[in-house]
Amino acid sequence: MSYFALTAVGPDQPGILASLTEPLVRLACNLEDSSATILRGHFSLMMVVCAPDGVNADAIIREVGAACRSLDIRVDARPLPAASRPPPQASHVLSVYGADKPGIVHRIAQLLAARGVNLLDLDTRLVGRTGRPIYAMLLAVPLAVLGAIYTSMFMHPDLRAKIKPSIEIMAALPTVVLGFLAGLWM
């Protein structure tokens, strides 16, 4: 078996996912992980596909691309190594919001990367009124017990004052409640 990252982007319309997955069924591929969303009216998808021996990236691109051509969906696939260990699981969801301006995602990502925090999921939206948008960002991260100890004992006080309240609130709420609140908020 071989693994591939399949990506697809194009104008949103009904039937995209059905058109994308039908050739994969014909090729006897299994979808292992996927994430799809609508970004400013454009469908965007990434998925990990497990294909049987003899099915390569070119075959996936050819078959899925042909099925999506009339929908103006651009498709690509590339080989992936087999996973050698289970993927990390998010233990916390951080929320960041404020006035929209260039560089917000970069600054937060840089801050977390400098502290060895891996971002597992990112969801951003412009919300609010036209002319005065608010930038909302949800980040799923795996923060272990040692991360909590670091935050409470060693983190710079200014940074701790910004991050700790969100972490404590998120840790106290069941994930079902967090998902519901995020759904209402977005």
C-alpha atoms as a PDB file:
ATOM      1  CA  MET A   1       0.000   0.000   0.000  1.00  0.00           C
ATOM      2  CA  SER A   2       1.048   3.583  -0.686  1.00  0.00           C
ATOM      3  CA  TYR A   3       0.008   6.868   0.908  1.00  0.00           C
ATOM      4  CA  PHE A   4      -0.685  10.132  -0.900  1.00  0.00           C
ATOM      5  CA  ALA A   5      -1.601  13.686   0.042  1.00  0.00           C
ATOM      6  CA  LEU A   6      -4.471  14.761  -2.203  1.00  0.00           C
ATOM      7  CA  THR A   7      -5.342  18.448  -2.481  1.00  0.00           C
ATOM      8  CA  ALA A   8      -8.213  20.085  -4.315  1.00  0.00           C
ATOM      9  CA  VAL A   9      -9.147  23.760  -4.700  1.00  0.00           C
ATOM     10  CA  GLY A  10     -11.787  25.495  -6.774  1.00  0.00           C
ATOM     11  CA  PRO A  11     -15.011  27.488  -6.752  1.00  0.00           C
ATOM     12  CA  ASP A  12     -17.516  26.104  -4.253  1.00  0.00           C
ATOM     13  CA  GLN A  13     -20.564  24.309  -5.641  1.00  0.00           C
ATOM     14  CA  PRO A  14     -22.673  21.245  -4.860  1.00  0.00           C
ATOM     15  CA  GLY A  15     -21.217  17.863  -5.814  1.00  0.00           C
ATOM     16  CA  ILE A  16     -17.491  18.517  -5.411  1.00  0.00           C
ATOM     17  CA  LEU A  17     -16.863  15.921  -2.708  1.00  0.00           C
ATOM     18  CA  ALA A  18     -18.968  13.314  -4.518  1.00  0.00           C
ATOM     19  CA  SER A  19     -17.009  13.932  -7.735  1.00  0.00           C
ATOM     20  CA  LEU A  20     -13.672  13.789  -5.873  1.00  0.00           C
ATOM     21  CA  THR A  21     -14.346  10.570  -4.006  1.00  0.00           C
ATOM     22  CA  GLU A  22     -16.004   8.484  -6.755  1.00  0.00           C
ATOM     23  CA  PRO A  23     -12.725   7.826  -8.648  1.00  0.00           C
ATOM     24  CA  LEU A  24     -10.994   7.004  -5.366  1.00  0.00           C
ATOM     25  CA  VAL A  25     -13.603   4.310  -4.686  1.00  0.00           C
ATOM     26  CA  ARG A  26     -13.050   2.947  -8.210  1.00  0.00           C
ATOM     27  CA  LEU A  27      -9.292   2.835  -7.535  1.00  0.00           C
ATOM     28  CA  ALA A  28      -9.952   0.994  -4.198  1.00  0.00           C
ATOM     29  CA  CYS A  29      -8.382   3.820  -2.178  1.00  0.00           C
ATOM     30  CA  ASN A  30      -9.181   4.454   1.472  1.00  0.00           C
ATOM     31  CA  LEU A  31      -9.466   7.981   2.922  1.00  0.00           C
ATOM     32  CA  GLU A  32      -7.524   8.049   6.187  1.00  0.00           C
ATOM     33  CA  ASP A  33      -7.561  11.733   7.158  1.00  0.00           C
ATOM     34  CA  SER A  34      -9.260  14.696   5.553  1.00  0.00           C
ATOM     35  CA  SER A  35     -10.015  18.337   6.102  1.00  0.00           C
ATOM     36  CA  ALA A  36     -12.230  20.462   3.859  1.00  0.00           C
ATOM     37  CA  THR A  37     -13.616  23.959   4.181  1.00  0.00           C
ATOM     38  CA  ILE A  38     -14.943  26.881   2.186  1.00  0.00           C
ATOM     39  CA  LEU A  39     -12.567  29.875   2.044  1.00  0.00           C
ATOM     40  CA  ARG A  40     -14.083  33.031   0.575  1.00  0.00           C
ATOM     41  CA  GLY A  41     -16.308  31.029  -1.749  1.00  0.00           C
ATOM     42  CA  HIS A  42     -13.650  28.479  -2.726  1.00  0.00           C
ATOM     43  CA  PHE A  43     -13.695  24.818  -1.777  1.00  0.00           C
ATOM     44  CA  SER A  44     -10.401  23.682  -0.244  1.00  0.00           C
ATOM     45  CA  LEU A  45      -9.550  20.081   0.640  1.00  0.00           C
ATOM     46  CA  MET A  46      -6.587  18.068   1.883  1.00  0.00           C
ATOM     47  CA  MET A  47      -6.762  14.344   2.497  1.00  0.00           C
ATOM     48  CA  VAL A  48      -4.464  11.411   3.123  1.00  0.00           C
ATOM     49  CA  VAL A  49      -5.317   8.573   0.766  1.00  0.00           C
ATOM     50  CA  CYS A  50      -4.159   4.979   1.197  1.00  0.00           C
ATOM     51  CA  ALA A  51      -3.932   3.355  -2.233  1.00  0.00           C
ATOM     52  CA  PRO A  52      -3.424  -0.304  -3.128  1.00  0.00           C
ATOM     53  CA  ASP A  53      -0.230  -1.443  -4.836  1.00  0.00           C
ATOM     54  CA  GLY A  54      -0.096  -0.321  -8.448  1.00  0.00           C
ATOM     55  CA  VAL A  55      -1.965   2.965  -7.896  1.00  0.00           C
ATOM     56  CA  ASN A  56       0.403   5.932  -8.062  1.00  0.00           C
ATOM     57  CA  ALA A  57       0.071   9.723  -7.778  1.00  0.00           C
ATOM     58  CA  ASP A  58      -0.262  10.129 -11.552  1.00  0.00           C
ATOM     59  CA  ALA A  59      -3.223   7.722 -11.646  1.00  0.00           C
ATOM     60  CA  ILE A  60      -4.924   9.543  -8.772  1.00  0.00           C
ATOM     61  CA  ILE A  61      -4.400  12.951 -10.412  1.00  0.00           C
ATOM     62  CA  ARG A  62      -5.594  11.661 -13.789  1.00  0.00           C
ATOM     63  CA  GLU A  63      -8.758   9.945 -12.475  1.00  0.00           C
ATOM     64  CA  VAL A  64      -9.790  12.526  -9.868  1.00  0.00           C
ATOM     65  CA  GLY A  65      -8.836  15.417 -12.147  1.00  0.00           C
ATOM     66  CA  ALA A  66     -10.985  14.047 -14.980  1.00  0.00           C
ATOM     67  CA  ALA A  67     -13.960  13.668 -12.615  1.00  0.00           C
ATOM     68  CA  CYS A  68     -13.568  17.271 -11.382  1.00  0.00           C
ATOM     69  CA  ARG A  69     -12.658  19.005 -14.647  1.00  0.00           C
ATOM     70  CA  SER A  70     -16.209  20.238 -15.338  1.00  0.00           C
ATOM     71  CA  LEU A  71     -16.333  21.715 -11.808  1.00  0.00           C
ATOM     72  CA  ASP A  72     -13.127  23.766 -12.354  1.00  0.00           C
ATOM     73  CA  ILE A  73     -11.439  22.025  -9.408  1.00  0.00           C
ATOM     74  CA  ARG A  74      -7.633  21.845  -9.436  1.00  0.00           C
ATOM     75  CA  VAL A  75      -6.356  18.526  -8.068  1.00  0.00           C
ATOM     76  CA  ASP A  76      -2.863  17.442  -7.037  1.00  0.00           C
ATOM     77  CA  ALA A  77      -1.396  14.386  -5.283  1.00  0.00           C
ATOM     78  CA  ARG A  78       2.007  13.567  -3.904  1.00  0.00           C
ATOM     79  CA  PRO A  79       3.455  10.480  -2.219  1.00  0.00           C
ATOM     80  CA  LEU A  80       3.715  10.371   1.576  1.00  0.00           C
ATOM     81  CA  PRO A  81       5.756   8.042   3.761  1.00  0.00           C
ATOM     82  CA  ALA A  82       3.775   5.608   5.897  1.00  0.00           C
ATOM     83  CA  ALA A  83       3.171   6.987   9.398  1.00  0.00           C
ATOM     84  CA  SER A  84       5.756   5.592  11.791  1.00  0.00           C
ATOM     85  CA  ARG A  85       3.967   6.740  14.944  1.00  0.00           C
ATOM     86  CA  PRO A  86       0.517   7.929  15.912  1.00  0.00           C
ATOM     87  CA  PRO A  87      -0.117  11.609  15.204  1.00  0.00           C
ATOM     88  CA  PRO A  88      -0.160  13.970  18.191  1.00  0.00           C
ATOM     89  CA  GLN A  89      -3.574  14.793  19.612  1.00  0.00           C
ATOM     90  CA  ALA A  90      -4.668  18.319  20.456  1.00  0.00           C
ATOM     91  CA  SER A  91      -5.185  18.816  24.165  1.00  0.00           C
ATOM     92  CA  HIS A  92      -6.023  22.505  24.043  1.00  0.00           C
ATOM     93  CA  VAL A  93      -7.623  25.049  21.743  1.00  0.00           C
ATOM     94  CA  LEU A  94      -6.199  28.554  21.912  1.00  0.00           C
ATOM     95  CA  SER A  95      -8.302  31.446  20.722  1.00  0.00           C
ATOM     96  CA  VAL A  96      -6.865  34.740  19.542  1.00  0.00           C
ATOM     97  CA  TYR A  97      -8.892  37.673  18.302  1.00  0.00           C
ATOM     98  CA  GLY A  98      -8.356  41.341  17.644  1.00  0.00           C
ATOM     99  CA  ALA A  99      -8.273  44.026  15.007  1.00  0.00           C
ATOM    100  CA  ASP A 100      -7.419  42.637  11.589  1.00  0.00           C
ATOM    101  CA  LYS A 101      -3.939  43.517  10.352  1.00  0.00           C
ATOM    102  CA  PRO A 102      -1.185  41.768   8.390  1.00  0.00           C
ATOM    103  CA  GLY A 103       1.101  39.446  10.352  1.00  0.00           C
ATOM    104  CA  ILE A 104      -1.235  38.123  13.066  1.00  0.00           C
ATOM    105  CA  VAL A 105      -0.890  34.466  12.069  1.00  0.00           C
ATOM    106  CA  HIS A 106       2.861  34.792  11.611  1.00  0.00           C
ATOM    107  CA  ARG A 107       3.427  36.375  15.018  1.00  0.00           C
ATOM    108  CA  ILE A 108       1.373  33.766  16.877  1.00  0.00           C
ATOM    109  CA  ALA A 109       2.899  30.866  14.900  1.00  0.00           C
ATOM    110  CA  GLN A 110       6.407  32.226  15.504  1.00  0.00           C
ATOM    111  CA  LEU A 111       5.742  32.673  19.226  1.00  0.00           C
ATOM    112  CA  LEU A 112       4.506  29.086  19.594  1.00  0.00           C
ATOM    113  CA  ALA A 113       7.216  27.590  17.347  1.00  0.00           C
ATOM    114  CA  ALA A 114       9.939  29.294  19.390  1.00  0.00           C
ATOM    115  CA  ARG A 115       8.581  27.421  22.403  1.00  0.00           C
ATOM    116  CA  GLY A 116       8.392  24.063  20.617  1.00  0.00           C
ATOM    117  CA  VAL A 117       4.591  23.996  20.274  1.00  0.00           C
ATOM    118  CA  ASN A 118       3.326  22.187  17.160  1.00  0.00           C
ATOM    119  CA  LEU A 119       0.139  23.597  15.588  1.00  0.00           C
ATOM    120  CA  LEU A 120      -2.220  20.724  14.754  1.00  0.00           C
ATOM    121  CA  ASP A 121      -5.116  22.731  13.365  1.00  0.00           C
ATOM    122  CA  LEU A 122      -5.739  26.349  12.454  1.00  0.00           C
ATOM    123  CA  ASP A 123      -9.042  28.043  11.721  1.00  0.00           C
ATOM    124  CA  THR A 124      -9.232  31.779  11.001  1.00  0.00           C
ATOM    125  CA  ARG A 125     -12.131  34.030  10.069  1.00  0.00           C
ATOM    126  CA  LEU A 126     -12.860  37.686   9.569  1.00  0.00           C
ATOM    127  CA  VAL A 127     -15.965  38.476  11.593  1.00  0.00           C
ATOM    128  CA  GLY A 128     -17.783  41.640  12.540  1.00  0.00           C
ATOM    129  CA  ARG A 129     -18.821  44.660  10.548  1.00  0.00           C
ATOM    130  CA  THR A 130     -17.577  45.676   7.124  1.00  0.00           C
ATOM    131  CA  GLY A 131     -14.924  48.326   7.556  1.00  0.00           C
ATOM    132  CA  ARG A 132     -14.071  47.201  11.101  1.00  0.00           C
ATOM    133  CA  PRO A 133     -13.473  43.452  10.892  1.00  0.00           C
ATOM    134  CA  ILE A 134     -12.308  41.377  13.825  1.00  0.00           C
ATOM    135  CA  TYR A 135      -9.768  38.651  13.144  1.00  0.00           C
ATOM    136  CA  ALA A 136     -10.626  35.416  14.959  1.00  0.00           C
ATOM    137  CA  MET A 137      -8.182  32.524  15.168  1.00  0.00           C
ATOM    138  CA  LEU A 138      -8.551  29.082  16.772  1.00  0.00           C
ATOM    139  CA  LEU A 139      -5.403  26.966  17.131  1.00  0.00           C
ATOM    140  CA  ALA A 140      -5.406  23.317  18.248  1.00  0.00           C
ATOM    141  CA  VAL A 141      -2.210  22.435  20.068  1.00  0.00           C
ATOM    142  CA  PRO A 142      -0.874  19.492  22.103  1.00  0.00           C
ATOM    143  CA  LEU A 143       0.144  20.955  25.439  1.00  0.00           C
ATOM    144  CA  ALA A 144       1.365  18.293  27.827  1.00  0.00           C
ATOM    145  CA  VAL A 145       1.636  18.460  31.594  1.00  0.00           C
ATOM    146  CA  LEU A 146       5.210  19.729  31.273  1.00  0.00           C
ATOM    147  CA  GLY A 147       3.878  22.547  29.085  1.00  0.00           C
ATOM    148  CA  ALA A 148       1.445  23.483  31.845  1.00  0.00           C
ATOM    149  CA  ILE A 149       4.268  23.422  34.387  1.00  0.00           C
ATOM    150  CA  TYR A 150       6.405  25.575  32.110  1.00  0.00           C
ATOM    151  CA  THR A 151       3.541  28.030  31.662  1.00  0.00           C
ATOM    152  CA  SER A 152       2.897  28.358  35.375  1.00  0.00           C
ATOM    153  CA  MET A 153       6.497  28.338  36.610  1.00  0.00           C
ATOM    154  CA  PHE A 154       8.935  29.495  33.927  1.00  0.00           C
ATOM    155  CA  MET A 155       7.144  31.425  31.184  1.00  0.00           C
ATOM    156  CA  HIS A 156       7.861  35.128  30.920  1.00  0.00           C
ATOM    157  CA  PRO A 157       5.218  36.914  33.042  1.00  0.00           C
ATOM    158  CA  ASP A 158       3.976  39.105  30.167  1.00  0.00           C
ATOM    159  CA  LEU A 159       3.445  36.099  27.903  1.00  0.00           C
ATOM    160  CA  ARG A 160       1.908  34.051  30.739  1.00  0.00           C
ATOM    161  CA  ALA A 161      -0.589  36.850  31.431  1.00  0.00           C
ATOM    162  CA  LYS A 162      -1.754  36.630  27.802  1.00  0.00           C
ATOM    163  CA  ILE A 163      -1.839  32.855  27.344  1.00  0.00           C
ATOM    164  CA  LYS A 164      -2.635  31.309  30.740  1.00  0.00           C
ATOM    165  CA  PRO A 165      -6.249  32.537  31.112  1.00  0.00           C
ATOM    166  CA  SER A 166      -7.231  31.078  27.725  1.00  0.00           C
ATOM    167  CA  ILE A 167      -5.511  27.774  28.503  1.00  0.00           C
ATOM    168  CA  GLU A 168      -7.217  27.510  31.898  1.00  0.00           C
ATOM    169  CA  ILE A 169     -10.653  28.246  30.459  1.00  0.00           C
ATOM    170  CA  MET A 170     -10.192  25.784  27.604  1.00  0.00           C
ATOM    171  CA  ALA A 171      -8.868  23.069  29.942  1.00  0.00           C
ATOM    172  CA  ALA A 172     -11.900  23.443  32.216  1.00  0.00           C
ATOM    173  CA  LEU A 173     -14.459  23.000  29.423  1.00  0.00           C
ATOM    174  CA  PRO A 174     -15.351  19.648  27.851  1.00  0.00           C
ATOM    175  CA  THR A 175     -14.358  19.431  24.176  1.00  0.00           C
ATOM    176  CA  VAL A 176     -18.011  19.053  23.152  1.00  0.00           C
ATOM    177  CA  VAL A 177     -18.766  22.436  24.719  1.00  0.00           C
ATOM    178  CA  LEU A 178     -15.701  23.985  23.051  1.00  0.00           C
ATOM    179  CA  GLY A 179     -16.810  22.675  19.652  1.00  0.00           C
ATOM    180  CA  PHE A 180     -20.330  23.998  20.174  1.00  0.00           C
ATOM    181  CA  LEU A 181     -19.054  27.431  21.239  1.00  0.00           C
ATOM    182  CA  ALA A 182     -16.617  27.565  18.328  1.00  0.00           C
ATOM    183  CA  GLY A 183     -19.435  26.649  15.950  1.00  0.00           C
ATOM    184  CA  LEU A 184     -21.607  29.447  17.320  1.00  0.00           C
ATOM    185  CA  TRP A 185     -18.740  31.900  17.265  1.00  0.00           C
ATOM    186  CA  MET A 186     -17.656  31.135  13.693  1.00  0.00           C
END
